Amino acid sequence: MAIDLPFEEGDWVDSQTWSKAFGVSPYRGITPSNKYKLIVCISVAESEGVPYQDKWYHRSEWDGVAYTGEGLKGDMTLTKGNGRLEKEKSAYFFRKIEGENKYLYCGKFIMVEEPGNRNPRVEQQPDVDGKMRNVWIFNMKYAKGHYPEKLALEMQAFEE
C-alpha cells in the first residue's frame, strides 16, 4: 500500500500528525507500521538524559546517518525494533529537538551495504545511567542520495 503524506522532506510536524500519517505510535524510537509495512525512526538531538549518539553526515557520494538502535539501559539486542530494522533495511526518519513537539521529516533511508563492514555494527556508548554498554549502530543513507535544499537548510537547526 502506497503512503500519501500530508508533509514533505524538510517540513516540521508534530507527533500527532506524523504518527497518524504513518499509522504508528509516536512513543518509540523505532516503530513499525503494520498498515504500510514500513518503519519510522526518530533521532533525538543530543542533550542531557538522551543516551543515543546518532551521527548525521554529508558525504560526496551520499548523505546519511549512523543511527543508534533502541534501548535505554544495558546492552542492546537485535530484537523488537532493532531486529525489525535489521531485517527490513529501510526506514523513514524524523529528527527531533529534545523537549519540543517538533519533528523534522527527513524522508526514506536505506541500510548501506559496504564490503567487509557489518551493518549493523556494535559500538560502546553510555546508557541512560551513564554506564558503558554495547549498542547497535545502523549505517543508513538517504535513499535519494543527497538531501534536497529545503531539508539541508532545516538540518542546520541541529548544528547550532
C-alpha atoms as a PDB file:
ATOM      1  CA  MET A   1       0.000   0.000   0.000  1.00  0.00           C
ATOM      2  CA  ALA A   2       1.420   3.374  -1.024  1.00  0.00           C
ATOM      3  CA  ILE A   3       1.587   6.117   1.548  1.00  0.00           C
ATOM      4  CA  ASP A   4       0.400   9.664   0.778  1.00  0.00           C
ATOM      5  CA  LEU A   5       1.950  12.032   3.317  1.00  0.00           C
ATOM      6  CA  PRO A   6       0.497  15.464   4.219  1.00  0.00           C
ATOM      7  CA  PHE A   7       4.062  16.835   4.577  1.00  0.00           C
ATOM      8  CA  GLU A   8       7.317  16.680   2.647  1.00  0.00           C
ATOM      9  CA  GLU A   9      11.017  16.340   3.389  1.00  0.00           C
ATOM     10  CA  GLY A  10      12.207  19.416   5.246  1.00  0.00           C
ATOM     11  CA  ASP A  11       8.833  20.114   6.918  1.00  0.00           C
ATOM     12  CA  TRP A  12       8.482  20.365  10.695  1.00  0.00           C
ATOM     13  CA  VAL A  13       5.494  18.398  12.013  1.00  0.00           C
ATOM     14  CA  ASP A  14       4.082  17.459  15.408  1.00  0.00           C
ATOM     15  CA  SER A  15       3.946  13.872  16.683  1.00  0.00           C
ATOM     16  CA  GLN A  16       0.183  13.570  16.218  1.00  0.00           C
ATOM     17  CA  THR A  17       0.473  14.488  12.522  1.00  0.00           C
ATOM     18  CA  TRP A  18       3.286  12.116  11.594  1.00  0.00           C
ATOM     19  CA  SER A  19       2.109   9.214  13.759  1.00  0.00           C
ATOM     20  CA  LYS A  20      -1.353   9.382  12.163  1.00  0.00           C
ATOM     21  CA  ALA A  21       0.111   9.654   8.638  1.00  0.00           C
ATOM     22  CA  PHE A  22       2.273   6.544   9.088  1.00  0.00           C
ATOM     23  CA  GLY A  23      -0.154   4.639  11.335  1.00  0.00           C
ATOM     24  CA  VAL A  24       2.365   4.267  14.181  1.00  0.00           C
ATOM     25  CA  SER A  25       2.813   5.136  17.846  1.00  0.00           C
ATOM     26  CA  PRO A  26       4.851   8.307  18.479  1.00  0.00           C
ATOM     27  CA  TYR A  27       6.394   6.892  21.672  1.00  0.00           C
ATOM     28  CA  ARG A  28       9.219   4.665  20.384  1.00  0.00           C
ATOM     29  CA  GLY A  29      12.449   5.378  18.555  1.00  0.00           C
ATOM     30  CA  ILE A  30      11.956   2.559  16.048  1.00  0.00           C
ATOM     31  CA  THR A  31       8.290   1.948  15.241  1.00  0.00           C
ATOM     32  CA  PRO A  32       6.969  -0.471  12.637  1.00  0.00           C
ATOM     33  CA  SER A  33       3.787   0.368  10.727  1.00  0.00           C
ATOM     34  CA  ASN A  34       1.845  -2.807  10.047  1.00  0.00           C
ATOM     35  CA  LYS A  35      -0.613  -0.805   7.940  1.00  0.00           C
ATOM     36  CA  TYR A  36       2.031   0.355   5.438  1.00  0.00           C
ATOM     37  CA  LYS A  37       4.690  -2.347   6.010  1.00  0.00           C
ATOM     38  CA  LEU A  38       7.427   0.172   6.848  1.00  0.00           C
ATOM     39  CA  ILE A  39       9.432   1.503   9.787  1.00  0.00           C
ATOM     40  CA  VAL A  40       9.613   5.010  11.264  1.00  0.00           C
ATOM     41  CA  CYS A  41      12.757   6.048  13.187  1.00  0.00           C
ATOM     42  CA  ILE A  42      13.186   9.060  15.463  1.00  0.00           C
ATOM     43  CA  SER A  43      16.581  10.647  16.044  1.00  0.00           C
ATOM     44  CA  VAL A  44      16.672  12.945  19.086  1.00  0.00           C
ATOM     45  CA  ALA A  45      19.249  15.725  19.166  1.00  0.00           C
ATOM     46  CA  GLU A  46      21.917  15.029  21.766  1.00  0.00           C
ATOM     47  CA  SER A  47      21.127  16.553  25.123  1.00  0.00           C
ATOM     48  CA  GLU A  48      21.229  15.667  28.792  1.00  0.00           C
ATOM     49  CA  GLY A  49      19.293  12.493  29.509  1.00  0.00           C
ATOM     50  CA  VAL A  50      19.354  11.267  25.894  1.00  0.00           C
ATOM     51  CA  PRO A  51      21.766   8.316  25.655  1.00  0.00           C
ATOM     52  CA  TYR A  52      21.646   7.977  21.857  1.00  0.00           C
ATOM     53  CA  GLN A  53      24.551   9.368  19.882  1.00  0.00           C
ATOM     54  CA  ASP A  54      23.307   9.417  16.289  1.00  0.00           C
ATOM     55  CA  LYS A  55      25.713  10.961  13.796  1.00  0.00           C
ATOM     56  CA  TRP A  56      24.275  12.706  10.748  1.00  0.00           C
ATOM     57  CA  TYR A  57      26.635  13.377   7.876  1.00  0.00           C
ATOM     58  CA  HIS A  58      27.114  14.639   4.339  1.00  0.00           C
ATOM     59  CA  ARG A  59      29.430  12.710   2.025  1.00  0.00           C
ATOM     60  CA  SER A  60      30.425  13.482  -1.535  1.00  0.00           C
ATOM     61  CA  GLU A  61      28.546  10.408  -2.790  1.00  0.00           C
ATOM     62  CA  TRP A  62      25.514  10.483  -0.436  1.00  0.00           C
ATOM     63  CA  ASP A  63      24.089  11.862   2.837  1.00  0.00           C
ATOM     64  CA  GLY A  64      23.138   9.689   5.786  1.00  0.00           C
ATOM     65  CA  VAL A  65      23.070   8.808   9.461  1.00  0.00           C
ATOM     66  CA  ALA A  66      24.821   6.375  11.781  1.00  0.00           C
ATOM     67  CA  TYR A  67      21.672   5.612  13.781  1.00  0.00           C
ATOM     68  CA  THR A  68      21.811   4.172  17.298  1.00  0.00           C
ATOM     69  CA  GLY A  69      19.272   1.386  17.892  1.00  0.00           C
ATOM     70  CA  GLU A  70      16.643   1.393  20.637  1.00  0.00           C
ATOM     71  CA  GLY A  71      17.097   0.542  24.315  1.00  0.00           C
ATOM     72  CA  LEU A  72      17.827   2.856  27.239  1.00  0.00           C
ATOM     73  CA  LYS A  73      19.704   0.551  29.646  1.00  0.00           C
ATOM     74  CA  GLY A  74      22.197  -2.264  29.277  1.00  0.00           C
ATOM     75  CA  ASP A  75      23.406  -3.933  26.112  1.00  0.00           C
ATOM     76  CA  MET A  76      21.100  -3.616  23.115  1.00  0.00           C
ATOM     77  CA  THR A  77      19.870  -6.713  21.327  1.00  0.00           C
ATOM     78  CA  LEU A  78      18.735  -7.305  17.762  1.00  0.00           C
ATOM     79  CA  THR A  79      15.137  -7.845  18.836  1.00  0.00           C
ATOM     80  CA  LYS A  80      11.967  -5.727  18.655  1.00  0.00           C
ATOM     81  CA  GLY A  81      12.595  -2.526  16.651  1.00  0.00           C
ATOM     82  CA  ASN A  82      16.322  -3.211  16.235  1.00  0.00           C
ATOM     83  CA  GLY A  83      15.641  -6.658  14.789  1.00  0.00           C
ATOM     84  CA  ARG A  84      12.946  -5.341  12.506  1.00  0.00           C
ATOM     85  CA  LEU A  85      15.212  -2.567  11.192  1.00  0.00           C
ATOM     86  CA  GLU A  86      17.993  -5.080  10.518  1.00  0.00           C
ATOM     87  CA  LYS A  87      15.537  -7.272   8.598  1.00  0.00           C
ATOM     88  CA  GLU A  88      13.741  -4.521   6.628  1.00  0.00           C
ATOM     89  CA  LYS A  89      16.902  -2.488   5.840  1.00  0.00           C
ATOM     90  CA  SER A  90      14.998   0.780   5.337  1.00  0.00           C
ATOM     91  CA  ALA A  91      13.076   3.341   7.368  1.00  0.00           C
ATOM     92  CA  TYR A  92      11.506   6.790   7.259  1.00  0.00           C
ATOM     93  CA  PHE A  93      13.365   9.220   9.516  1.00  0.00           C
ATOM     94  CA  PHE A  94      12.477  12.204  11.672  1.00  0.00           C
ATOM     95  CA  ARG A  95      14.840  14.344  13.724  1.00  0.00           C
ATOM     96  CA  LYS A  96      13.544  15.776  16.995  1.00  0.00           C
ATOM     97  CA  ILE A  97      14.693  18.627  19.166  1.00  0.00           C
ATOM     98  CA  GLU A  98      14.572  17.370  22.768  1.00  0.00           C
ATOM     99  CA  GLY A  99      11.744  18.793  24.845  1.00  0.00           C
ATOM    100  CA  GLU A 100       9.715  20.081  21.895  1.00  0.00           C
ATOM    101  CA  ASN A 101       6.899  18.503  19.888  1.00  0.00           C
ATOM    102  CA  LYS A 102       8.665  19.414  16.641  1.00  0.00           C
ATOM    103  CA  TYR A 103       9.957  16.762  14.274  1.00  0.00           C
ATOM    104  CA  LEU A 104      11.853  17.386  11.046  1.00  0.00           C
ATOM    105  CA  TYR A 105      10.768  14.945   8.348  1.00  0.00           C
ATOM    106  CA  CYS A 106      13.921  13.654   6.626  1.00  0.00           C
ATOM    107  CA  GLY A 107      12.484  11.047   4.250  1.00  0.00           C
ATOM    108  CA  LYS A 108      13.382   7.455   3.459  1.00  0.00           C
ATOM    109  CA  PHE A 109      16.772   5.966   4.307  1.00  0.00           C
ATOM    110  CA  ILE A 110      18.216   2.599   3.347  1.00  0.00           C
ATOM    111  CA  MET A 111      20.858   0.481   5.031  1.00  0.00           C
ATOM    112  CA  VAL A 112      24.306   0.831   3.470  1.00  0.00           C
ATOM    113  CA  GLU A 113      25.934  -2.390   2.410  1.00  0.00           C
ATOM    114  CA  GLU A 114      29.702  -1.936   2.408  1.00  0.00           C
ATOM    115  CA  PRO A 115      32.046  -4.863   1.660  1.00  0.00           C
ATOM    116  CA  GLY A 116      33.837  -6.073   4.777  1.00  0.00           C
ATOM    117  CA  ASN A 117      31.770  -3.916   7.159  1.00  0.00           C
ATOM    118  CA  ARG A 118      28.980  -5.394   9.248  1.00  0.00           C
ATOM    119  CA  ASN A 119      25.795  -3.355   9.226  1.00  0.00           C
ATOM    120  CA  PRO A 120      24.518  -3.004  11.826  1.00  0.00           C
ATOM    121  CA  ARG A 121      27.671  -2.941  13.930  1.00  0.00           C
ATOM    122  CA  VAL A 122      28.312  -2.826  17.675  1.00  0.00           C
ATOM    123  CA  GLU A 123      29.804   0.214  19.441  1.00  0.00           C
ATOM    124  CA  GLN A 124      30.308   1.198  23.063  1.00  0.00           C
ATOM    125  CA  GLN A 125      28.142   4.080  24.292  1.00  0.00           C
ATOM    126  CA  PRO A 126      26.801   5.104  27.695  1.00  0.00           C
ATOM    127  CA  ASP A 127      23.255   4.162  28.657  1.00  0.00           C
ATOM    128  CA  VAL A 128      20.743   6.438  30.393  1.00  0.00           C
ATOM    129  CA  ASP A 129      22.572   5.853  33.714  1.00  0.00           C
ATOM    130  CA  GLY A 130      25.975   6.651  32.193  1.00  0.00           C
ATOM    131  CA  LYS A 131      27.149   3.007  32.240  1.00  0.00           C
ATOM    132  CA  MET A 132      29.011   1.820  29.143  1.00  0.00           C
ATOM    133  CA  ARG A 133      27.192  -0.765  27.088  1.00  0.00           C
ATOM    134  CA  ASN A 134      27.031  -2.335  23.622  1.00  0.00           C
ATOM    135  CA  VAL A 135      24.716  -0.548  21.192  1.00  0.00           C
ATOM    136  CA  TRP A 136      23.723  -1.396  17.637  1.00  0.00           C
ATOM    137  CA  ILE A 137      24.611   1.226  15.033  1.00  0.00           C
ATOM    138  CA  PHE A 138      22.750   1.176  11.724  1.00  0.00           C
ATOM    139  CA  ASN A 139      24.571   2.928   8.883  1.00  0.00           C
ATOM    140  CA  MET A 140      21.765   4.382   6.752  1.00  0.00           C
ATOM    141  CA  LYS A 141      21.935   6.532   3.638  1.00  0.00           C
ATOM    142  CA  TYR A 142      19.347   8.940   2.317  1.00  0.00           C
ATOM    143  CA  ALA A 143      17.549   6.936  -0.375  1.00  0.00           C
ATOM    144  CA  LYS A 144      17.743   9.732  -2.986  1.00  0.00           C
ATOM    145  CA  GLY A 145      21.474  10.382  -2.500  1.00  0.00           C
ATOM    146  CA  HIS A 146      21.739  13.975  -1.273  1.00  0.00           C
ATOM    147  CA  TYR A 147      19.305  15.927   0.879  1.00  0.00           C
ATOM    148  CA  PRO A 148      17.122  18.361  -1.070  1.00  0.00           C
ATOM    149  CA  GLU A 149      17.870  22.031  -0.410  1.00  0.00           C
ATOM    150  CA  LYS A 150      14.885  22.561   1.906  1.00  0.00           C
ATOM    151  CA  LEU A 151      15.851  19.580   4.108  1.00  0.00           C
ATOM    152  CA  ALA A 152      19.550  20.502   4.151  1.00  0.00           C
ATOM    153  CA  LEU A 153      18.655  24.035   5.229  1.00  0.00           C
ATOM    154  CA  GLU A 154      16.395  22.813   8.071  1.00  0.00           C
ATOM    155  CA  MET A 155      19.072  20.340   9.234  1.00  0.00           C
ATOM    156  CA  GLN A 156      21.087  23.373  10.343  1.00  0.00           C
ATOM    157  CA  ALA A 157      18.781  23.675  13.379  1.00  0.00           C
ATOM    158  CA  PHE A 158      20.631  20.663  14.822  1.00  0.00           C
ATOM    159  CA  GLU A 159      24.104  22.070  14.268  1.00  0.00           C
ATOM    160  CA  GLU A 160      23.674  25.174  16.439  1.00  0.00           C
END
